Protein backbone atom coordinates (compact mmCIF):
# COMPACT_ATOMS: atom_id res chain seq x y z
CA UNK A 1 4.90 11.04 -18.00
CA UNK A 2 1.47 10.98 -18.79
CA UNK A 3 -1.16 8.99 -19.39
CA UNK A 4 -3.90 8.79 -22.67
CA UNK A 5 -5.46 11.70 -20.61
CA UNK A 6 -2.95 13.99 -19.99
CA UNK A 7 -2.76 13.08 -15.86
CA UNK A 8 0.94 13.33 -14.70
CA UNK A 9 1.94 9.44 -13.71
CA UNK A 10 4.25 9.73 -11.25
CA UNK A 11 3.47 7.24 -8.74
CA UNK A 12 5.02 4.17 -8.14
CA UNK A 13 3.25 1.76 -5.09
CA UNK A 14 4.81 -1.64 -5.02
CA UNK A 15 4.04 -4.71 -3.49
CA UNK A 16 7.41 -6.79 -1.93
CA UNK A 17 4.96 -9.94 -0.89
CA UNK A 18 1.63 -11.02 -0.54
CA UNK A 19 2.15 -12.60 2.99
CA UNK A 20 0.47 -11.17 5.76
CA UNK A 21 0.59 -11.59 9.11
CA UNK A 22 -3.29 -10.62 9.97
CA UNK A 23 -6.05 -11.65 8.38
CA UNK A 24 -8.55 -8.76 8.05
CA UNK A 25 -11.52 -9.72 6.84
CA UNK A 26 -12.08 -7.34 4.07
CA UNK A 27 -9.26 -8.50 2.68
CA UNK A 28 -9.06 -12.06 2.80
CA UNK A 29 -12.09 -14.71 2.45
CA UNK A 30 -12.34 -16.86 5.76
CA UNK A 31 -11.29 -20.17 3.47
CA UNK A 32 -7.24 -17.80 3.37
CA UNK A 33 -6.26 -17.72 -0.46
CA UNK A 34 -4.30 -19.16 -2.60
CA UNK A 35 -0.54 -17.57 -2.01
CA UNK A 36 2.06 -16.96 -4.73
CA UNK A 37 4.62 -18.81 -5.23
CA UNK A 38 8.10 -18.31 -3.61
CA UNK A 39 9.76 -19.07 -7.02
CA UNK A 40 7.46 -16.09 -8.47
CA UNK A 41 7.99 -13.57 -5.63
CA UNK A 42 9.95 -10.71 -7.63
CA UNK A 43 13.48 -10.71 -5.79
CA UNK A 44 14.27 -7.23 -4.18
CA UNK A 45 17.24 -6.82 -6.77
CA UNK A 46 13.89 -6.69 -9.50
CA UNK A 47 12.49 -4.17 -7.61
CA UNK A 48 14.88 -2.09 -7.27
CA UNK A 49 16.22 -2.05 -10.75
CA UNK A 50 12.27 -1.32 -11.83
CA UNK A 51 12.13 1.48 -9.10
CA UNK A 52 15.41 2.60 -11.34
CA UNK A 53 13.55 2.55 -14.61
CA UNK A 54 10.49 3.97 -13.16
CA UNK A 55 12.34 6.80 -11.47
CA UNK A 56 14.63 7.15 -15.08
CA UNK A 57 10.44 7.62 -16.55
CA UNK A 58 9.45 10.61 -14.48
CA UNK A 59 8.08 8.53 -11.06
CA UNK A 60 9.60 10.43 -7.68
CA UNK A 61 6.82 9.23 -5.52
CA UNK A 62 7.45 5.38 -4.28
CA UNK A 63 5.41 3.87 -1.50
CA UNK A 64 5.81 0.29 -0.28
CA UNK A 65 3.10 -2.40 0.95
CA UNK A 66 1.53 -5.63 0.73
CA UNK A 67 1.14 -8.14 1.95
CA UNK A 68 2.51 -6.78 4.76
CA UNK A 69 5.76 -5.64 2.97
CA UNK A 70 7.58 -6.03 7.10
CA UNK A 71 7.33 -9.84 6.92
CA UNK A 72 9.58 -10.01 3.96
CA UNK A 73 13.11 -10.89 5.78
CA UNK A 74 15.35 -8.17 4.54
CA UNK A 75 13.23 -5.43 3.97
CA UNK A 76 15.36 -3.02 5.59
CA UNK A 77 17.97 -3.63 3.59
CA UNK A 78 15.86 -3.44 1.12
CA UNK A 79 14.22 0.26 1.72
CA UNK A 80 18.07 1.48 2.75
CA UNK A 81 18.37 0.41 -1.79
CA UNK A 82 15.61 1.78 -2.20
CA UNK A 83 16.78 5.49 -0.45
CA UNK A 84 19.66 5.98 -2.43
CA UNK A 85 18.18 6.12 -5.54
CA UNK A 86 18.63 9.69 -6.83
CA UNK A 87 15.13 11.27 -7.70
CA UNK A 88 12.55 10.06 -5.03
CA UNK A 89 11.10 13.05 -3.51
CA UNK A 90 7.99 10.99 -0.89
CA UNK A 91 9.22 7.48 0.11
CA UNK A 92 6.71 5.89 2.37
CA UNK A 93 5.80 2.40 3.86
CA UNK A 94 2.04 1.21 4.40
CA UNK A 95 2.04 -0.97 6.95
CA UNK A 96 -0.58 -2.87 9.79
CA UNK A 97 1.55 -1.24 12.25
CA UNK A 98 1.58 -4.63 14.17
CA UNK A 99 5.95 -4.58 13.72
CA UNK A 100 6.20 -1.22 14.30
CA UNK A 101 8.22 -1.44 17.50
CA UNK A 102 10.85 -3.69 15.97
CA UNK A 103 11.12 -2.13 12.62
CA UNK A 104 10.25 2.11 13.24
CA UNK A 105 13.84 3.06 13.95
CA UNK A 106 15.93 1.08 11.18
CA UNK A 107 13.30 2.08 8.61
CA UNK A 108 13.81 5.79 9.49
CA UNK A 109 17.70 4.92 10.25
CA UNK A 110 17.94 3.00 6.17
CA UNK A 111 16.16 6.40 4.87
CA UNK A 112 12.68 5.76 4.23
CA UNK A 113 10.27 8.90 4.82
CA UNK A 114 7.21 8.40 6.15
CA UNK A 115 4.82 5.51 7.31
CA UNK A 116 0.78 4.77 6.74
CA UNK A 117 -0.50 2.63 9.02
CA UNK A 118 -4.00 0.30 9.07
CA UNK A 119 -6.41 1.15 12.44
CA UNK A 120 -9.87 0.37 12.02
CA UNK A 121 -10.69 0.48 15.78
CA UNK A 122 -9.71 1.03 19.07
CA UNK A 123 -11.63 -1.42 20.86
CA UNK A 124 -9.56 -4.57 21.54
CA UNK A 125 -12.05 -7.33 21.06
CA UNK A 126 -13.25 -5.54 17.88
CA UNK A 127 -10.00 -5.29 16.19
CA UNK A 128 -9.00 -8.97 17.33
CA UNK A 129 -12.40 -10.11 15.21
CA UNK A 130 -11.81 -7.69 11.89
CA UNK A 131 -8.37 -9.13 11.67
CA UNK A 132 -8.77 -12.89 12.69
CA UNK A 133 -6.06 -12.59 15.89
CA UNK A 134 -4.46 -9.47 16.06
CA UNK A 135 -3.20 -7.39 19.37
CA UNK A 136 -4.42 -3.89 19.04
CA UNK A 137 -1.84 -3.22 21.61
CA UNK A 138 0.93 -3.84 19.42
CA UNK A 139 -0.53 -1.24 16.62
CA UNK A 140 -0.26 1.26 19.24
CA UNK A 141 3.00 0.75 20.56
CA UNK A 142 4.26 0.38 16.72
CA UNK A 143 2.77 4.13 15.92
CA UNK A 144 4.66 5.45 19.61
CA UNK A 145 7.74 4.04 17.97
CA UNK A 146 7.61 5.11 14.37
CA UNK A 147 6.29 8.84 15.98
CA UNK A 148 9.83 8.39 18.52
CA UNK A 149 11.49 7.43 14.62
CA UNK A 150 10.67 10.65 13.10
CA UNK A 151 8.47 8.21 10.55
CA UNK A 152 6.01 11.35 10.07
CA UNK A 153 3.90 12.78 8.75
CA UNK A 154 2.32 9.47 10.25
CA UNK A 155 -1.22 8.43 8.35
CA UNK A 156 -3.83 6.06 9.76
CA UNK A 157 -5.70 4.14 7.22
CA UNK A 158 -9.12 3.75 8.64
CA UNK A 159 -11.36 1.23 6.89
CA UNK A 160 -15.15 1.76 7.00
CA UNK A 161 -18.37 0.29 6.56
CA UNK A 162 -20.71 2.92 5.41
CA UNK A 163 -19.90 6.13 7.32
CA UNK A 164 -17.39 7.75 9.01
CA UNK A 165 -19.49 8.89 11.86
CA UNK A 166 -19.52 4.70 12.48
CA UNK A 167 -18.32 4.13 16.54
CA UNK A 168 -15.52 2.78 15.86
CA UNK A 169 -14.36 5.15 12.99
CA UNK A 170 -15.00 8.66 15.67
CA UNK A 171 -12.98 6.65 18.05
CA UNK A 172 -10.04 6.53 15.45
CA UNK A 173 -10.49 10.17 14.62
CA UNK A 174 -10.24 11.40 18.28
CA UNK A 175 -7.45 9.06 19.03
CA UNK A 176 -5.67 10.91 16.21
CA UNK A 177 -6.86 14.62 17.17
CA UNK A 178 -5.81 14.41 20.76
CA UNK A 179 -2.35 12.66 19.33
CA UNK A 180 -1.56 14.43 16.10
CA UNK A 181 -2.32 12.09 13.27
CA UNK A 182 -3.40 12.51 10.12
CA UNK A 183 -6.38 9.94 9.28
CA UNK A 184 -7.81 8.78 6.19
CA UNK A 185 -11.57 6.37 6.14
CA UNK A 186 -11.63 4.24 3.21
CA UNK A 187 -14.51 2.97 2.41
CA UNK A 188 -14.63 -1.09 2.29
CA UNK A 189 -14.06 -1.68 -1.61
CA UNK A 190 -15.07 -4.67 -4.00
CA UNK A 191 -12.99 -5.75 -6.35
CA UNK A 192 -14.76 -7.73 -8.60
CA UNK A 193 -18.17 -4.92 -7.98
CA UNK A 194 -15.66 -2.09 -8.64
CA UNK A 195 -16.72 -0.65 -5.18
CA UNK A 196 -15.51 1.71 -4.31
CA UNK A 197 -15.33 6.13 -2.94
CA UNK A 198 -12.81 8.62 -3.67
CA UNK A 199 -11.37 8.27 -0.10
CA UNK A 200 -12.68 11.03 3.04
CA UNK A 201 -9.39 13.52 3.40
CA UNK A 202 -7.27 11.61 1.05
CA UNK A 203 -7.12 11.00 -3.06
CA UNK A 204 -7.04 7.40 -3.52
CA UNK A 205 -9.95 6.49 -5.44
CA UNK A 206 -10.39 10.28 -7.69
CA UNK A 207 -10.07 8.56 -10.65
CA UNK A 208 -9.48 12.11 -12.42
CA UNK A 209 -6.56 12.69 -10.13
CA UNK A 210 -5.10 10.19 -10.03
CA UNK A 211 -1.14 9.63 -10.19
CA UNK A 212 0.11 5.72 -10.23
CA UNK A 213 0.98 2.66 -11.14
CA UNK A 214 1.86 -0.61 -9.38
CA UNK A 215 4.14 -3.42 -9.07
CA UNK A 216 2.68 -6.92 -7.46
CA UNK A 217 5.02 -9.12 -5.89
CA UNK A 218 4.79 -11.26 -9.14
CA UNK A 219 6.04 -8.95 -11.75
CA UNK A 220 3.05 -7.27 -13.39
CA UNK A 221 2.61 -3.45 -14.06
CA UNK A 222 -0.95 -2.70 -13.31
CA UNK A 223 -2.11 0.36 -15.19
CA UNK A 224 -5.39 0.72 -11.99
CA UNK A 225 -6.93 -1.10 -9.25
CA UNK A 226 -9.99 -1.46 -10.52
CA UNK A 227 -8.93 -2.79 -13.75
CA UNK A 228 -7.59 -6.67 -14.99
CA UNK A 229 -4.84 -4.73 -17.07
CA UNK A 230 -2.04 -5.80 -16.06
CA UNK A 231 2.18 -6.27 -17.75
CA UNK A 232 4.44 -8.92 -17.08
CA UNK A 233 8.20 -7.09 -16.55
CA UNK A 234 9.57 -10.33 -17.14
CA UNK A 235 8.03 -11.36 -20.13
CA UNK A 236 7.74 -7.40 -22.29
CA UNK A 237 10.95 -5.71 -20.34
CA UNK A 238 10.76 -2.59 -17.77
CA UNK A 239 10.50 0.29 -19.33
CA UNK A 240 7.60 -1.82 -22.16
CA UNK A 241 5.35 -3.15 -19.80
CA UNK A 242 5.51 0.46 -18.44
CA UNK A 243 5.10 2.49 -21.34
CA UNK A 244 2.15 -0.23 -22.25
CA UNK A 245 0.55 0.22 -18.86
CA UNK A 246 0.70 4.03 -19.13
CA UNK A 247 -0.63 3.85 -23.04
CA UNK A 248 -4.19 1.32 -21.65
CA UNK A 249 -4.17 3.31 -18.07
CA UNK A 250 -8.44 3.86 -17.60
CA UNK A 251 -9.87 7.28 -16.76
CA UNK A 252 -11.56 5.13 -14.50
CA UNK A 253 -11.89 1.86 -12.46
CA UNK A 254 -14.47 -0.51 -13.13
CA UNK A 255 -13.13 -3.73 -11.70
CA UNK A 256 -10.54 -6.27 -11.04
CA UNK A 257 -11.67 -9.73 -11.32
CA UNK A 258 -8.19 -10.99 -11.04
CA UNK A 259 -6.81 -10.35 -8.21
CA UNK A 260 -6.63 -10.63 -4.41
CA UNK A 261 -5.81 -6.84 -2.21
CA UNK A 262 -3.64 -9.21 -0.43
CA UNK A 263 -1.47 -9.62 -4.04
CA UNK A 264 -2.55 -6.06 -5.18
CA UNK A 265 -1.67 -3.46 -2.19
CA UNK A 266 -4.92 -1.41 -2.16
């Protein structure tokens, strides 16, 4: 698949839920957010059909996101179904890591290739502050479980305020270097203001190299994170929604005033 700027679009990010067991300060406002109604969330069967059609059109990279994907009931069986779709060469999942101690081995056995884990500090008190109650120790156990399960390369996503030389970021870098983990630094973004930069040690935010579409948990194909454009698979049909998103995928992101990070998958 190619968009109007001749970029090959082969990557589908799939949000399976807008729910999360953390309340990170850069993802959710203090007053909380309105969750998508359960009746509007795509069933696993619907998501699988979207992935199958996207793969038939040229997608070969799929990443499962949320919210936190591991809070959705039946996620391991769903991962196993996705893993059986012919044509997917790169199959990953992004998680906050707090449930990985339990899920890493079942996910690997189900056919997941690799994993990205969010980790913004090595200080347990700071972690609790950033996540509004999370336990750093759970994430560290999850990282070890992912390593033991063979979900490698393990990539660590570290959100930074201004610089990867910030104390928290430096500590995360040292932890990753000591443990043989890949680390990527993501400058804190603002959807509504259109604030984003290229990810350090990654490709996210580099509009000229963008190769992705997004499927939201309630069935919208979005061509760009920083755009209000979206196409409803239930109203249009899956193939038509994908084709429409490809046709209008912008050259560069601007702003998104209709979504939050918790419901679009980052």
